Amino acid sequence: MKHTKRPYGLHWCQKALVAAIALLGANPLLAQQGPPGELDPNFGSAGKLTTDFFESSEEINAVAAMPDGRFLAAGVVVGRNASGPGSSPNFAVARYLPDGRLDPGFGIGGLVQIDLSGNVDEAYSVKWLRDRSILAVGVLAPGAYSDFALVKLRPNGSLDTNFGQASIGGGGRTGYVRLDVVGPGTHDEGRYVVVQRDGKIIVAGNSLVTVGSFQYRRTTVARFTADGQLDLAFGGSNTGYVVLPGSNTADPQTGDYVNGIALTQTGDLPANDSITVFGYTFGRNNAFVARLTRDGTLDSSFGSGTGRVTFSAVSSGGVQSGASDLRGGVVDDAGRLVLVGTGNDRGLTFLRLRNDGSLDTGFGTNGRTLVKFSSSVNYDEPRALALQGNGKIVAAGYATNVTSGAPAKDFFVARLTAAGQPDFGFGDGQGRKVVTISATTEESRALAIEPSGNILAAGYALRSGTAQDDFAVLRAYGDPDRIFADDLDPSEF
């Protein structure tokens, strides 16, 4: 989930124009444009690609577009086992060229994989920095239980040994840091990363905490310095992290699952950077949004003084309202939080919140928009959200395909206008595009807007004739008026 960018004055505009011209001149693929929603035939094979690294299950969880047209994909591959023979699920980051080929100048053949001890390691979020180094967040498991993991790679894919925890035996640092929030014998999962304007790194994820006699998931937010050390000033308890109380105050024995993070940048000072996390409670009965101040305390200006708001999917007179699960969110230029999730109507539920956390009833229809691809009995679910430079809203996920045989999942991309109405100039004329990548099933889990304005959706596709998944990516045409998108910060040029 991406953070808001603010105008930087004439000097920024001049640099932006020079950068945009340089991008188009250096990469002719970026200058080409077709009807919005159609696949780019210059990418992969007819606008889509799959990558099979090791003939095992491999899935993308995050994607990030770079200024030169290349892009990063982070997830999991079943590759080498650090503890002995065989293979294991490994933390993975791949880099692709603008045309969809793996970048041979990155890692080994375009892929970096990290395995600590043969247990499950996986990346869930990826971000590039202004020097083209890379941050990736996920889980690293030194034993049977996983820890938060924050990894920094150099532009060539090697671990940055000036970052993270000290190497055993000296000789620099490891290039990564692990965070065990609760202690031995419990799982912690790093899921999302954003960077504040002073270079400090915010990571959000899930931790298992004990309530009564059982363990329940809670949202954890941690802050690290630019060189990968816990920032003990964050959270107010001299730990560098904060574990949020459960969003279901009536029943604390209920877990929360965080599904995204957004950074609001207002004014000129880093002190104005607030942190928003969102997700759902166990059972998908309620969705939650919580906002923290820059230093990790609940923001009393949000949610009627509590720092959080919750939603339920409610039906009244056949009309649905609210949401029970939030999967993607971005703060727009006006400081409003645009969200996508699901409700009881088995489709994409879009909402927009004002800066104080109240529902913006000027968005969609009374603050809510529903998008469906299949019939009312089948599920269509979003997994990611992004904003274009003109304010249009893009979502990706899976749509149920029932054209023949048993229902299967297909990639989709959907687009709304900035006001929350379906964009009739996109895809099928209703703001929708469904793409079949494999003969069986696939799902888009990640989304990025490229410098050209085109759209990358990434996830996995089931390899034909097997039970194994491959990396899968598509590129759809967006709007050609886009200069900076997602992580493309004018200060990074």
Protein backbone atom coordinates (compact mmCIF):
# COMPACT_ATOMS: atom_id res chain seq x y z
CA MET A 1 0.00 0.00 0.00
CA LYS A 2 1.36 3.29 -1.02
CA HIS A 3 1.66 6.66 0.55
CA THR A 4 0.53 10.10 -0.55
CA LYS A 5 2.80 12.31 -2.59
CA ARG A 6 2.68 16.09 -2.31
CA PRO A 7 3.60 18.82 -4.80
CA TYR A 8 7.14 20.08 -4.47
CA GLY A 9 6.82 23.36 -6.48
CA LEU A 10 8.28 24.41 -9.82
CA HIS A 11 11.67 22.82 -9.19
CA TRP A 12 10.05 19.43 -8.72
CA CYS A 13 7.98 19.87 -11.90
CA GLN A 14 11.10 20.62 -13.92
CA LYS A 15 12.82 17.51 -12.61
CA ALA A 16 9.69 15.43 -13.20
CA LEU A 17 9.47 16.54 -16.83
CA VAL A 18 13.14 15.77 -17.45
CA ALA A 19 12.76 12.37 -15.79
CA ALA A 20 9.64 11.51 -17.79
CA ILE A 21 11.30 12.45 -21.09
CA ALA A 22 14.36 10.41 -20.18
CA LEU A 23 12.21 7.39 -19.33
CA LEU A 24 10.35 7.51 -22.62
CA GLY A 25 13.49 8.02 -24.62
CA ALA A 26 15.39 5.23 -22.91
CA ASN A 27 12.57 2.73 -23.15
CA PRO A 28 10.29 2.85 -26.19
CA LEU A 29 7.91 0.37 -24.59
CA LEU A 30 6.88 3.08 -22.12
CA ALA A 31 5.87 5.44 -24.92
CA GLN A 32 3.37 3.04 -26.48
CA GLN A 33 -0.25 3.09 -25.40
CA GLY A 34 -3.40 1.20 -26.31
CA PRO A 35 -7.03 1.24 -25.12
CA PRO A 36 -7.20 1.32 -21.30
CA GLY A 37 -7.62 -2.18 -19.92
CA GLU A 38 -6.26 -4.00 -22.96
CA LEU A 39 -3.12 -6.11 -22.50
CA ASP A 40 0.21 -4.76 -23.76
CA PRO A 41 1.34 -7.10 -26.60
CA ASN A 42 4.96 -5.99 -26.10
CA PHE A 43 5.03 -7.56 -22.63
CA GLY A 44 5.73 -11.25 -22.05
CA SER A 45 3.55 -13.34 -24.33
CA ALA A 46 0.56 -11.29 -25.52
CA GLY A 47 0.66 -9.14 -22.38
CA LYS A 48 1.16 -11.79 -19.71
CA LEU A 49 3.90 -14.06 -18.42
CA THR A 50 4.57 -16.95 -16.08
CA THR A 51 7.91 -17.90 -14.54
CA ASP A 52 8.77 -21.40 -13.37
CA PHE A 53 12.06 -21.27 -11.46
CA PHE A 54 12.41 -24.73 -9.91
CA GLU A 55 9.39 -26.78 -11.06
CA SER A 56 7.80 -26.30 -7.64
CA SER A 57 5.16 -23.93 -6.27
CA GLU A 58 6.21 -20.28 -6.63
CA GLU A 59 3.95 -17.31 -5.89
CA ILE A 60 4.18 -13.51 -6.05
CA ASN A 61 2.84 -11.52 -3.09
CA ALA A 62 4.07 -8.03 -4.01
CA VAL A 63 5.17 -6.04 -7.06
CA ALA A 64 6.88 -2.65 -7.41
CA ALA A 65 7.36 -0.65 -10.63
CA MET A 66 10.72 1.08 -11.07
CA PRO A 67 11.36 4.39 -12.89
CA ASP A 68 13.32 2.78 -15.75
CA GLY A 69 10.50 0.36 -16.65
CA ARG A 70 11.88 -2.63 -14.79
CA PHE A 71 9.86 -4.08 -11.94
CA LEU A 72 10.35 -6.15 -8.80
CA ALA A 73 8.30 -9.16 -7.72
CA ALA A 74 8.53 -10.60 -4.21
CA GLY A 75 7.12 -13.82 -2.83
CA VAL A 76 8.15 -17.41 -2.29
CA VAL A 77 9.97 -20.05 -4.34
CA VAL A 78 10.73 -23.63 -3.37
CA GLY A 79 14.47 -23.62 -3.97
CA ARG A 80 17.75 -24.50 -2.33
CA ASN A 81 17.76 -25.71 1.27
CA ALA A 82 20.35 -23.96 3.42
CA SER A 83 20.38 -26.73 6.01
CA GLY A 84 21.05 -29.68 3.74
CA PRO A 85 19.85 -31.60 0.68
CA GLY A 86 16.45 -31.13 -0.86
CA SER A 87 14.49 -27.91 -1.14
CA SER A 88 12.51 -25.52 1.04
CA PRO A 89 10.17 -22.52 0.65
CA ASN A 90 12.45 -19.48 0.39
CA PHE A 91 12.09 -15.71 0.69
CA ALA A 92 12.33 -14.52 -2.92
CA VAL A 93 12.77 -11.28 -4.87
CA ALA A 94 12.96 -11.24 -8.68
CA ARG A 95 13.63 -8.36 -11.04
CA TYR A 96 12.23 -8.17 -14.56
CA LEU A 97 13.12 -6.08 -17.58
CA PRO A 98 10.43 -3.82 -19.11
CA ASP A 99 9.46 -6.47 -21.68
CA GLY A 100 8.91 -9.15 -19.03
CA ARG A 101 12.20 -11.04 -19.25
CA LEU A 102 14.12 -11.74 -16.06
CA ASP A 103 16.92 -9.24 -15.47
CA PRO A 104 20.26 -11.13 -15.68
CA GLY A 105 21.99 -8.30 -13.80
CA PHE A 106 20.07 -9.08 -10.62
CA GLY A 107 20.89 -11.96 -8.28
CA ILE A 108 21.35 -15.24 -10.12
CA GLY A 109 19.50 -15.06 -13.42
CA GLY A 110 17.15 -12.40 -12.09
CA LEU A 111 16.30 -14.09 -8.76
CA VAL A 112 17.44 -13.66 -5.16
CA GLN A 113 16.38 -16.25 -2.59
CA ILE A 114 17.06 -16.34 1.15
CA ASP A 115 16.80 -19.43 3.33
CA LEU A 116 17.99 -19.49 6.94
CA SER A 117 17.50 -23.07 8.05
CA GLY A 118 15.29 -25.03 5.68
CA ASN A 119 12.04 -23.79 7.23
CA VAL A 120 9.41 -21.61 5.54
CA ASP A 121 10.73 -18.16 4.54
CA GLU A 122 8.57 -15.83 2.44
CA ALA A 123 8.47 -12.22 1.21
CA TYR A 124 5.20 -10.28 1.32
CA SER A 125 6.16 -6.71 0.44
CA VAL A 126 8.84 -4.99 -1.65
CA LYS A 127 9.93 -1.39 -2.18
CA TRP A 128 12.83 0.27 -4.00
CA LEU A 129 14.69 3.27 -2.61
CA ARG A 130 16.11 6.33 -4.34
CA ASP A 131 19.56 4.71 -4.75
CA ARG A 132 17.77 1.71 -6.35
CA SER A 133 18.49 -0.50 -3.37
CA ILE A 134 15.58 -2.68 -2.32
CA LEU A 135 13.66 -3.30 0.90
CA ALA A 136 11.66 -6.51 1.24
CA VAL A 137 9.54 -7.58 4.20
CA GLY A 138 8.22 -11.00 5.15
CA VAL A 139 9.13 -13.90 7.40
CA LEU A 140 12.41 -15.65 8.11
CA ALA A 141 12.32 -18.77 10.26
CA PRO A 142 15.56 -19.73 12.05
CA GLY A 143 13.66 -22.66 13.52
CA ALA A 144 10.10 -23.91 13.72
CA TYR A 145 8.68 -20.43 14.37
CA SER A 146 8.83 -17.41 12.07
CA ASP A 147 9.99 -13.88 12.82
CA PHE A 148 9.36 -10.49 11.25
CA ALA A 149 11.99 -10.05 8.54
CA LEU A 150 13.27 -6.83 6.97
CA VAL A 151 15.81 -7.38 4.18
CA LYS A 152 17.86 -4.85 2.23
CA LEU A 153 19.39 -5.71 -1.13
CA ARG A 154 21.87 -3.74 -3.18
CA PRO A 155 20.81 -2.85 -6.76
CA ASN A 156 22.51 -6.02 -8.03
CA GLY A 157 20.56 -8.21 -5.59
CA SER A 158 23.32 -8.90 -3.08
CA LEU A 159 22.60 -8.45 0.62
CA ASP A 160 23.58 -5.00 1.90
CA THR A 161 26.11 -5.81 4.64
CA ASN A 162 25.84 -2.29 6.04
CA PHE A 163 22.25 -3.03 7.05
CA GLY A 164 20.56 -5.10 9.72
CA GLN A 165 21.87 -7.19 12.56
CA ALA A 166 25.53 -8.00 13.17
CA SER A 167 26.95 -11.08 11.49
CA ILE A 168 27.93 -13.91 13.79
CA GLY A 169 31.68 -13.75 14.27
CA GLY A 170 31.88 -10.12 13.10
CA GLY A 171 32.71 -8.91 9.62
CA GLY A 172 29.80 -6.55 9.08
CA ARG A 173 26.06 -7.06 9.11
CA THR A 174 23.79 -9.68 7.65
CA GLY A 175 21.72 -7.47 5.33
CA TYR A 176 18.55 -8.35 7.20
CA VAL A 177 17.00 -8.02 10.63
CA ARG A 178 14.65 -10.44 12.38
CA LEU A 179 12.16 -9.31 15.02
CA ASP A 180 10.72 -11.77 17.53
CA VAL A 181 7.89 -9.75 19.07
CA VAL A 182 6.27 -12.08 21.60
CA GLY A 183 9.11 -14.51 22.30
CA PRO A 184 10.12 -18.09 21.50
CA GLY A 185 7.41 -20.53 20.52
CA THR A 186 5.17 -18.07 18.65
CA HIS A 187 4.89 -16.85 15.08
CA ASP A 188 5.45 -13.26 13.93
CA GLU A 189 4.82 -12.26 10.30
CA GLY A 190 6.08 -9.10 8.64
CA ARG A 191 3.66 -8.14 5.88
CA TYR A 192 3.98 -4.53 4.69
CA VAL A 193 6.59 -1.78 4.47
CA VAL A 194 6.57 2.00 3.94
CA VAL A 195 9.33 4.56 4.43
CA GLN A 196 8.87 7.86 6.25
CA ARG A 197 10.33 11.06 4.84
CA ASP A 198 13.28 10.98 7.22
CA GLY A 199 14.25 7.54 5.92
CA LYS A 200 12.88 5.53 8.83
CA ILE A 201 11.24 2.25 7.87
CA ILE A 202 7.78 1.19 9.06
CA VAL A 203 6.87 -2.51 9.00
CA ALA A 204 3.41 -3.87 9.82
CA GLY A 205 2.41 -7.48 10.35
CA ASN A 206 0.82 -10.02 12.65
CA SER A 207 1.93 -11.45 15.99
CA LEU A 208 0.41 -14.21 18.10
CA VAL A 209 -0.38 -13.02 21.63
CA THR A 210 -1.90 -14.93 24.52
CA VAL A 211 -5.37 -13.89 25.68
CA GLY A 212 -6.76 -16.14 28.38
CA SER A 213 -5.72 -19.68 27.52
CA PHE A 214 -5.31 -19.22 23.78
CA GLN A 215 -3.24 -17.28 21.27
CA TYR A 216 -4.78 -14.73 18.91
CA ARG A 217 -3.37 -12.63 16.12
CA ARG A 218 -2.76 -8.96 16.73
CA THR A 219 -1.46 -6.19 14.49
CA THR A 220 2.15 -5.22 15.18
CA VAL A 221 3.78 -2.06 13.80
CA ALA A 222 7.55 -1.60 14.14
CA ARG A 223 9.96 1.14 13.11
CA PHE A 224 13.57 0.74 12.05
CA THR A 225 16.30 3.24 11.35
CA ALA A 226 17.60 3.56 7.80
CA ASP A 227 20.41 1.09 8.61
CA GLY A 228 18.04 -1.56 9.97
CA GLN A 229 18.13 -1.01 13.74
CA LEU A 230 14.98 -0.94 15.86
CA ASP A 231 14.02 2.66 16.63
CA LEU A 232 13.36 2.49 20.36
CA ALA A 233 11.61 5.87 20.33
CA PHE A 234 8.70 4.32 18.43
CA GLY A 235 5.66 2.97 20.24
CA GLY A 236 6.23 4.56 23.64
CA SER A 237 7.55 1.45 25.44
CA ASN A 238 11.25 1.57 24.49
CA THR A 239 10.86 -1.49 22.26
CA GLY A 240 10.64 0.01 18.77
CA TYR A 241 7.26 -1.57 18.10
CA VAL A 242 3.65 -1.49 19.23
CA VAL A 243 1.15 -4.37 19.38
CA LEU A 244 -2.33 -2.96 18.86
CA PRO A 245 -5.23 -4.15 21.02
CA GLY A 246 -7.84 -6.27 19.29
CA SER A 247 -10.36 -4.37 17.20
CA ASN A 248 -13.26 -6.39 18.60
CA THR A 249 -13.48 -4.70 22.00
CA ALA A 250 -16.54 -6.75 22.96
CA ASP A 251 -14.62 -10.01 22.56
CA PRO A 252 -10.85 -9.78 23.04
CA GLN A 253 -10.56 -13.48 22.24
CA THR A 254 -10.77 -12.71 18.52
CA GLY A 255 -7.86 -12.35 16.12
CA ASP A 256 -7.04 -9.44 13.82
CA TYR A 257 -5.41 -9.93 10.41
CA VAL A 258 -3.63 -6.91 8.97
CA ASN A 259 -3.93 -6.61 5.18
CA GLY A 260 -2.21 -3.34 4.40
CA ILE A 261 -0.50 -0.14 5.44
CA ALA A 262 -0.67 3.43 4.17
CA LEU A 263 1.45 6.44 5.05
CA THR A 264 -0.16 9.89 5.09
CA GLN A 265 2.28 12.71 4.36
CA THR A 266 0.83 16.17 4.99
CA GLY A 267 2.69 19.45 5.16
CA ASP A 268 6.46 19.75 4.98
CA LEU A 269 7.53 18.03 8.20
CA PRO A 270 8.13 14.30 8.79
CA ALA A 271 6.31 14.79 12.10
CA ASN A 272 3.08 14.93 10.07
CA ASP A 273 3.52 11.39 8.68
CA SER A 274 0.74 9.24 10.16
CA ILE A 275 0.49 5.47 9.74
CA THR A 276 -2.72 3.64 8.84
CA VAL A 277 -3.21 -0.13 9.00
CA PHE A 278 -6.31 -2.09 8.04
CA GLY A 279 -7.63 -5.62 7.77
CA TYR A 280 -10.30 -7.88 9.24
CA THR A 281 -11.16 -9.85 12.35
CA PHE A 282 -11.25 -13.64 12.45
CA GLY A 283 -14.26 -15.02 10.60
CA ARG A 284 -14.42 -11.91 8.38
CA ASN A 285 -17.33 -10.54 10.36
CA ASN A 286 -15.79 -7.11 10.82
CA ALA A 287 -13.20 -4.93 9.12
CA PHE A 288 -10.96 -2.47 10.95
CA VAL A 289 -8.87 0.61 10.24
CA ALA A 290 -6.42 1.99 12.81
CA ARG A 291 -4.30 5.12 12.53
CA LEU A 292 -1.13 5.85 14.46
CA THR A 293 0.80 9.05 14.83
CA ARG A 294 4.25 9.17 13.32
CA ASP A 295 5.73 7.83 16.56
CA GLY A 296 3.38 4.91 17.06
CA THR A 297 0.56 6.01 19.36
CA LEU A 298 -3.09 5.71 18.36
CA ASP A 299 -4.18 8.95 16.68
CA SER A 300 -6.99 10.55 18.70
CA SER A 301 -8.02 12.72 15.72
CA PHE A 302 -9.18 9.57 13.92
CA GLY A 303 -12.24 7.49 14.69
CA SER A 304 -14.05 9.62 17.31
CA GLY A 305 -10.99 9.85 19.52
CA THR A 306 -10.13 6.14 19.57
CA GLY A 307 -7.67 6.02 16.67
CA ARG A 308 -9.67 3.29 14.95
CA VAL A 309 -12.91 2.57 13.12
CA THR A 310 -14.63 -0.75 12.45
CA PHE A 311 -17.11 -1.84 9.80
CA SER A 312 -19.62 -4.62 9.44
CA ALA A 313 -21.35 -5.80 6.29
CA VAL A 314 -25.02 -5.00 6.83
CA SER A 315 -28.06 -5.64 4.66
CA SER A 316 -31.21 -3.55 5.05
CA GLY A 317 -34.12 -3.81 2.64
CA GLY A 318 -31.91 -5.73 0.23
CA VAL A 319 -29.31 -2.93 0.20
CA GLN A 320 -25.80 -3.75 1.40
CA SER A 321 -23.61 -1.34 3.34
CA GLY A 322 -20.25 -1.49 5.06
CA ALA A 323 -17.58 -4.17 4.63
CA SER A 324 -16.38 -7.24 6.51
CA ASP A 325 -12.84 -7.49 5.11
CA LEU A 326 -10.40 -4.85 3.83
CA ARG A 327 -7.68 -5.91 1.37
CA GLY A 328 -6.20 -2.74 -0.11
CA GLY A 329 -5.93 0.94 0.75
CA VAL A 330 -4.26 4.14 -0.42
CA VAL A 331 -4.31 7.70 0.92
CA ASP A 332 -5.21 10.16 -1.84
CA ASP A 333 -3.91 13.70 -2.33
CA ALA A 334 -6.73 15.12 -0.20
CA GLY A 335 -5.79 12.92 2.77
CA ARG A 336 -8.76 10.58 2.29
CA LEU A 337 -8.32 6.82 2.64
CA VAL A 338 -9.59 4.82 -0.34
CA LEU A 339 -10.24 1.18 0.56
CA VAL A 340 -11.29 -2.02 -1.16
CA GLY A 341 -12.50 -5.21 0.45
CA THR A 342 -15.51 -7.50 0.54
CA GLY A 343 -18.94 -7.59 2.13
CA ASN A 344 -21.89 -9.94 2.07
CA ASP A 345 -22.48 -9.38 -1.67
CA ARG A 346 -19.43 -11.47 -2.72
CA GLY A 347 -17.83 -8.76 -4.81
CA LEU A 348 -15.45 -5.83 -4.57
CA THR A 349 -16.52 -3.28 -1.98
CA PHE A 350 -14.92 0.17 -2.37
CA LEU A 351 -15.13 2.74 0.44
CA ARG A 352 -13.58 6.14 1.09
CA LEU A 353 -12.95 7.63 4.52
CA ARG A 354 -12.44 11.27 5.36
CA ASN A 355 -9.34 12.30 7.26
CA ASP A 356 -11.17 11.90 10.58
CA GLY A 357 -12.21 8.31 9.75
CA SER A 358 -15.84 9.05 8.89
CA LEU A 359 -17.36 7.55 5.76
CA ASP A 360 -17.24 9.89 2.76
CA THR A 361 -20.81 9.71 1.47
CA GLY A 362 -19.85 11.70 -1.63
CA PHE A 363 -17.99 8.64 -2.90
CA GLY A 364 -19.83 6.06 -5.02
CA THR A 365 -23.37 5.59 -3.76
CA ASN A 366 -23.64 6.80 -0.17
CA GLY A 367 -19.93 6.12 0.33
CA ARG A 368 -19.81 2.63 -1.18
CA THR A 369 -19.32 1.04 -4.62
CA LEU A 370 -19.83 -2.63 -5.51
CA VAL A 371 -18.15 -4.27 -8.51
CA LYS A 372 -19.07 -7.82 -9.55
CA PHE A 373 -17.68 -10.03 -12.32
CA SER A 374 -19.58 -13.29 -11.83
CA SER A 375 -23.08 -14.16 -10.63
CA SER A 376 -24.30 -13.38 -7.12
CA VAL A 377 -23.59 -16.94 -5.93
CA ASN A 378 -19.87 -16.81 -6.81
CA TYR A 379 -17.05 -14.89 -5.17
CA ASP A 380 -14.97 -12.13 -6.76
CA GLU A 381 -12.38 -10.84 -4.32
CA PRO A 382 -9.83 -8.01 -4.41
CA ARG A 383 -6.28 -8.38 -3.21
CA ALA A 384 -4.67 -4.99 -3.98
CA LEU A 385 -5.43 -1.33 -4.69
CA ALA A 386 -3.55 1.55 -6.36
CA LEU A 387 -4.30 5.11 -7.44
CA GLN A 388 -3.40 6.59 -10.81
CA GLY A 389 -2.05 10.12 -11.08
CA ASN A 390 -5.43 11.39 -12.28
CA GLY A 391 -7.11 9.99 -9.17
CA LYS A 392 -8.66 6.93 -10.82
CA ILE A 393 -8.82 3.85 -8.60
CA VAL A 394 -7.45 0.48 -9.73
CA ALA A 395 -7.99 -2.87 -7.99
CA ALA A 396 -6.76 -6.38 -8.74
CA GLY A 397 -7.62 -9.83 -7.44
CA TYR A 398 -9.51 -12.87 -8.65
CA ALA A 399 -12.83 -13.27 -10.46
CA THR A 400 -14.74 -16.53 -10.58
CA ASN A 401 -14.84 -18.03 -14.07
CA VAL A 402 -17.80 -20.35 -14.71
CA THR A 403 -17.68 -20.46 -18.51
CA SER A 404 -17.10 -24.22 -18.55
CA GLY A 405 -16.73 -26.98 -15.99
CA ALA A 406 -16.11 -26.27 -12.33
CA PRO A 407 -15.69 -22.63 -11.26
CA ALA A 408 -12.10 -21.41 -11.45
CA LYS A 409 -10.23 -18.23 -10.56
CA ASP A 410 -8.96 -15.71 -13.13
CA PHE A 411 -6.94 -12.51 -12.80
CA PHE A 412 -8.95 -9.30 -12.89
CA VAL A 413 -8.23 -5.59 -13.01
CA ALA A 414 -11.03 -3.11 -12.23
CA ARG A 415 -11.03 0.68 -12.45
CA LEU A 416 -13.23 3.36 -10.93
CA THR A 417 -13.28 7.09 -11.47
CA ALA A 418 -11.94 9.27 -8.67
CA ALA A 419 -15.56 9.77 -7.56
CA GLY A 420 -16.05 6.03 -7.09
CA GLN A 421 -18.07 5.21 -10.22
CA PRO A 422 -17.17 2.44 -12.69
CA ASP A 423 -14.85 3.76 -15.41
CA PHE A 424 -16.74 3.02 -18.62
CA GLY A 425 -13.63 3.78 -20.70
CA PHE A 426 -11.74 0.84 -19.21
CA GLY A 427 -11.77 -2.83 -20.21
CA ASP A 428 -15.21 -4.24 -21.01
CA GLY A 429 -16.93 -0.84 -20.92
CA GLN A 430 -17.96 -1.39 -17.29
CA GLY A 431 -14.54 -0.72 -15.80
CA ARG A 432 -13.54 -4.40 -15.69
CA LYS A 433 -10.95 -6.66 -17.30
CA VAL A 434 -10.73 -10.43 -16.71
CA VAL A 435 -7.68 -12.34 -17.95
CA THR A 436 -7.15 -16.10 -18.08
CA ILE A 437 -3.47 -16.96 -17.68
CA SER A 438 -3.54 -20.71 -17.09
CA ALA A 439 -5.96 -23.42 -18.12
CA THR A 440 -7.03 -23.98 -14.52
CA THR A 441 -6.81 -21.28 -11.86
CA GLU A 442 -4.84 -18.16 -10.92
CA GLU A 443 -5.03 -15.17 -8.61
CA SER A 444 -3.63 -11.66 -8.67
CA ARG A 445 -2.27 -10.61 -5.28
CA ALA A 446 -0.35 -7.44 -6.10
CA LEU A 447 -0.69 -4.29 -8.16
CA ALA A 448 1.52 -1.41 -9.33
CA ILE A 449 1.15 1.57 -11.66
CA GLU A 450 4.17 2.02 -13.94
CA PRO A 451 5.74 5.36 -14.93
CA SER A 452 3.98 5.04 -18.29
CA GLY A 453 0.61 4.80 -16.54
CA ASN A 454 0.28 1.13 -17.41
CA ILE A 455 -0.86 -1.41 -14.84
CA LEU A 456 1.01 -4.44 -13.51
CA ALA A 457 -1.00 -7.16 -11.76
CA ALA A 458 0.95 -10.06 -10.28
CA GLY A 459 0.30 -13.27 -8.38
CA TYR A 460 0.32 -16.91 -9.34
CA ALA A 461 -1.04 -19.28 -11.98
CA LEU A 462 -1.41 -23.03 -11.65
CA ARG A 463 0.94 -24.81 -14.03
CA SER A 464 -0.96 -26.98 -16.50
CA GLY A 465 -1.03 -30.66 -15.61
CA THR A 466 0.43 -30.13 -12.13
CA ALA A 467 -0.53 -28.99 -8.65
CA GLN A 468 2.26 -26.37 -8.69
CA ASP A 469 1.98 -22.59 -9.01
CA ASP A 470 4.19 -20.27 -11.07
CA PHE A 471 4.91 -16.55 -10.79
CA ALA A 472 2.36 -14.77 -13.01
CA VAL A 473 2.23 -11.14 -14.19
CA LEU A 474 0.15 -9.16 -16.68
CA ARG A 475 0.49 -5.65 -18.02
CA ALA A 476 -2.64 -3.74 -19.00
CA TYR A 477 -2.73 -0.31 -20.57
CA GLY A 478 -3.68 2.46 -18.16
CA ASP A 479 -3.75 6.20 -18.79
CA PRO A 480 -0.89 7.90 -20.65
CA ASP A 481 -1.03 11.03 -18.50
CA ARG A 482 0.69 9.31 -15.60
CA ILE A 483 4.19 10.48 -14.60
CA PHE A 484 4.63 9.28 -11.03
CA ALA A 485 2.87 6.29 -9.52
CA ASP A 486 2.99 4.15 -6.41
CA ASP A 487 6.57 4.41 -5.12
CA LEU A 488 7.66 6.90 -7.81
CA ASP A 489 8.48 9.81 -5.53
CA PRO A 490 9.73 13.00 -7.22
CA SER A 491 12.39 13.29 -4.52
CA GLU A 492 13.86 10.03 -5.76
CA PHE A 493 15.07 11.47 -9.06
